[in-house]
Structures are given as C-alpha cells and as structure tokens.
Amino acid sequence: MRYLFHVHRTVPSWRLVIRDDTGMPAETSADQWRFTRSRTAEDTNPDVVREVDERGWSLFRLGGDFTDVAADVARRSGG
C-alpha cells in the first residue's frame, strides 16, 4: 500500500494525502490537486498514516507560525 501526496493547485500550502487504494474524498475533486509523490507507510509520518487509515485522507497546511499554534491552543482550551 502506498500513500499519495498532492498539492492544491490554487493554494499550494495545502497538502492532501490519500492511499493508493482509495479515490479522492467526496469533498474535493482530483482536478483541484497536483500529485507530487508516492510513499510507503514506513516513509510517511505515522500521524499521517493513522489519519489516512482512519478517515481515508489527511489534509494539512504548510507555512503556519507560532501565532497559529497559540490560536489553536486557545480554541481547544476554550479561551
């Protein structure tokens, strides 16, 4: 089994990972993404592998900064 990495065509800071035995998630379409690479589970971050195996996909964004972390912490802690 391989994990397929894609970059969003319009907003390239977004990444999508799916398995090679599944299609694109229903919430998006293949024409919005550019395939970049294929990796084995051993060569993929374990958190990404777990999320793809559980949800069918992993979606994340590059380019955050520490204010983004602080905002997420505040949201999760209710304040």
C-alpha atoms as a PDB file:
ATOM      1  CA  MET A   1       0.000   0.000   0.000  1.00  0.00           C
ATOM      2  CA  ARG A   2       1.256   3.474  -0.872  1.00  0.00           C
ATOM      3  CA  TYR A   3       0.342   6.935   0.352  1.00  0.00           C
ATOM      4  CA  LEU A   4      -0.197   9.517  -2.387  1.00  0.00           C
ATOM      5  CA  PHE A   5       0.711  13.138  -1.691  1.00  0.00           C
ATOM      6  CA  HIS A   6      -0.975  16.018  -3.517  1.00  0.00           C
ATOM      7  CA  VAL A   7      -0.588  19.808  -3.531  1.00  0.00           C
ATOM      8  CA  HIS A   8      -3.580  22.089  -4.034  1.00  0.00           C
ATOM      9  CA  ARG A   9      -3.306  23.804  -7.417  1.00  0.00           C
ATOM     10  CA  THR A  10      -4.673  27.193  -6.294  1.00  0.00           C
ATOM     11  CA  VAL A  11      -3.408  27.324  -2.702  1.00  0.00           C
ATOM     12  CA  PRO A  12      -0.184  25.260  -2.714  1.00  0.00           C
ATOM     13  CA  SER A  13       0.332  25.487   1.038  1.00  0.00           C
ATOM     14  CA  TRP A  14      -2.424  22.844   1.373  1.00  0.00           C
ATOM     15  CA  ARG A  15      -1.453  19.169   1.160  1.00  0.00           C
ATOM     16  CA  LEU A  16      -3.688  16.130   0.781  1.00  0.00           C
ATOM     17  CA  VAL A  17      -2.631  12.538   1.405  1.00  0.00           C
ATOM     18  CA  ILE A  18      -4.711   9.526   0.371  1.00  0.00           C
ATOM     19  CA  ARG A  19      -3.996   5.819  -0.028  1.00  0.00           C
ATOM     20  CA  ASP A  20      -3.461   4.350  -3.462  1.00  0.00           C
ATOM     21  CA  ASP A  21      -6.471   2.049  -2.996  1.00  0.00           C
ATOM     22  CA  THR A  22      -8.965   4.871  -2.414  1.00  0.00           C
ATOM     23  CA  GLY A  23     -10.179   7.759  -4.503  1.00  0.00           C
ATOM     24  CA  MET A  24     -10.362  11.444  -3.747  1.00  0.00           C
ATOM     25  CA  PRO A  25     -12.533  12.451  -0.794  1.00  0.00           C
ATOM     26  CA  ALA A  26     -16.099  13.402  -1.745  1.00  0.00           C
ATOM     27  CA  GLU A  27     -15.489  16.976  -0.532  1.00  0.00           C
ATOM     28  CA  THR A  28     -12.982  17.697  -3.335  1.00  0.00           C
ATOM     29  CA  SER A  29     -12.040  16.634  -6.860  1.00  0.00           C
ATOM     30  CA  ALA A  30      -8.847  15.409  -8.471  1.00  0.00           C
ATOM     31  CA  ASP A  31      -8.600  18.439 -10.767  1.00  0.00           C
ATOM     32  CA  GLN A  32      -8.031  20.685  -7.716  1.00  0.00           C
ATOM     33  CA  TRP A  33      -4.859  18.778  -6.759  1.00  0.00           C
ATOM     34  CA  ARG A  34      -1.475  18.041  -8.310  1.00  0.00           C
ATOM     35  CA  PHE A  35       0.113  14.693  -7.478  1.00  0.00           C
ATOM     36  CA  THR A  36       3.625  15.135  -6.072  1.00  0.00           C
ATOM     37  CA  ARG A  37       4.847  11.801  -4.713  1.00  0.00           C
ATOM     38  CA  SER A  38       4.072   8.318  -3.528  1.00  0.00           C
ATOM     39  CA  ARG A  39       5.480   6.866  -0.302  1.00  0.00           C
ATOM     40  CA  THR A  40       5.305   3.648   1.659  1.00  0.00           C
ATOM     41  CA  ALA A  41       3.837   3.679   5.160  1.00  0.00           C
ATOM     42  CA  GLU A  42       7.361   3.327   6.554  1.00  0.00           C
ATOM     43  CA  ASP A  43       8.376   6.525   4.738  1.00  0.00           C
ATOM     44  CA  THR A  44       5.311   8.532   5.821  1.00  0.00           C
ATOM     45  CA  ASN A  45       4.771  10.343   9.120  1.00  0.00           C
ATOM     46  CA  PRO A  46       2.991   7.915  11.487  1.00  0.00           C
ATOM     47  CA  ASP A  47       0.353  10.538  12.377  1.00  0.00           C
ATOM     48  CA  VAL A  48      -0.466  10.987   8.681  1.00  0.00           C
ATOM     49  CA  VAL A  49      -0.654   7.208   8.155  1.00  0.00           C
ATOM     50  CA  ARG A  50      -3.009   6.847  11.135  1.00  0.00           C
ATOM     51  CA  GLU A  51      -5.261   9.689   9.964  1.00  0.00           C
ATOM     52  CA  VAL A  52      -5.432   8.379   6.384  1.00  0.00           C
ATOM     53  CA  ASP A  53      -6.181   4.875   7.645  1.00  0.00           C
ATOM     54  CA  GLU A  54      -8.941   6.199   9.954  1.00  0.00           C
ATOM     55  CA  ARG A  55     -10.507   8.967   7.813  1.00  0.00           C
ATOM     56  CA  GLY A  56      -9.478   7.981   4.325  1.00  0.00           C
ATOM     57  CA  TRP A  57      -7.399  11.139   3.893  1.00  0.00           C
ATOM     58  CA  SER A  58      -5.157  13.639   5.682  1.00  0.00           C
ATOM     59  CA  LEU A  59      -5.332  17.348   4.943  1.00  0.00           C
ATOM     60  CA  PHE A  60      -2.829  19.835   6.310  1.00  0.00           C
ATOM     61  CA  ARG A  61      -1.310  23.219   5.594  1.00  0.00           C
ATOM     62  CA  LEU A  62       2.326  24.280   5.480  1.00  0.00           C
ATOM     63  CA  GLY A  63       3.529  27.707   6.428  1.00  0.00           C
ATOM     64  CA  GLY A  64       1.944  28.231   9.809  1.00  0.00           C
ATOM     65  CA  ASP A  65       3.619  30.198  12.548  1.00  0.00           C
ATOM     66  CA  PHE A  66       3.542  30.304  16.321  1.00  0.00           C
ATOM     67  CA  THR A  67       0.541  32.634  16.403  1.00  0.00           C
ATOM     68  CA  ASP A  68      -1.390  29.848  14.638  1.00  0.00           C
ATOM     69  CA  VAL A  69      -0.309  27.413  17.353  1.00  0.00           C
ATOM     70  CA  ALA A  70      -1.347  29.855  20.077  1.00  0.00           C
ATOM     71  CA  ALA A  71      -4.742  30.382  18.425  1.00  0.00           C
ATOM     72  CA  ASP A  72      -5.353  26.618  18.179  1.00  0.00           C
ATOM     73  CA  VAL A  73      -4.338  26.136  21.833  1.00  0.00           C
ATOM     74  CA  ALA A  74      -6.705  28.929  22.893  1.00  0.00           C
ATOM     75  CA  ARG A  75      -9.574  27.441  20.853  1.00  0.00           C
ATOM     76  CA  ARG A  76      -9.065  23.996  22.350  1.00  0.00           C
ATOM     77  CA  SER A  77      -8.828  25.310  25.884  1.00  0.00           C
ATOM     78  CA  GLY A  78     -11.970  27.421  25.459  1.00  0.00           C
ATOM     79  CA  GLY A  79     -10.334  30.763  25.823  1.00  0.00           C
END
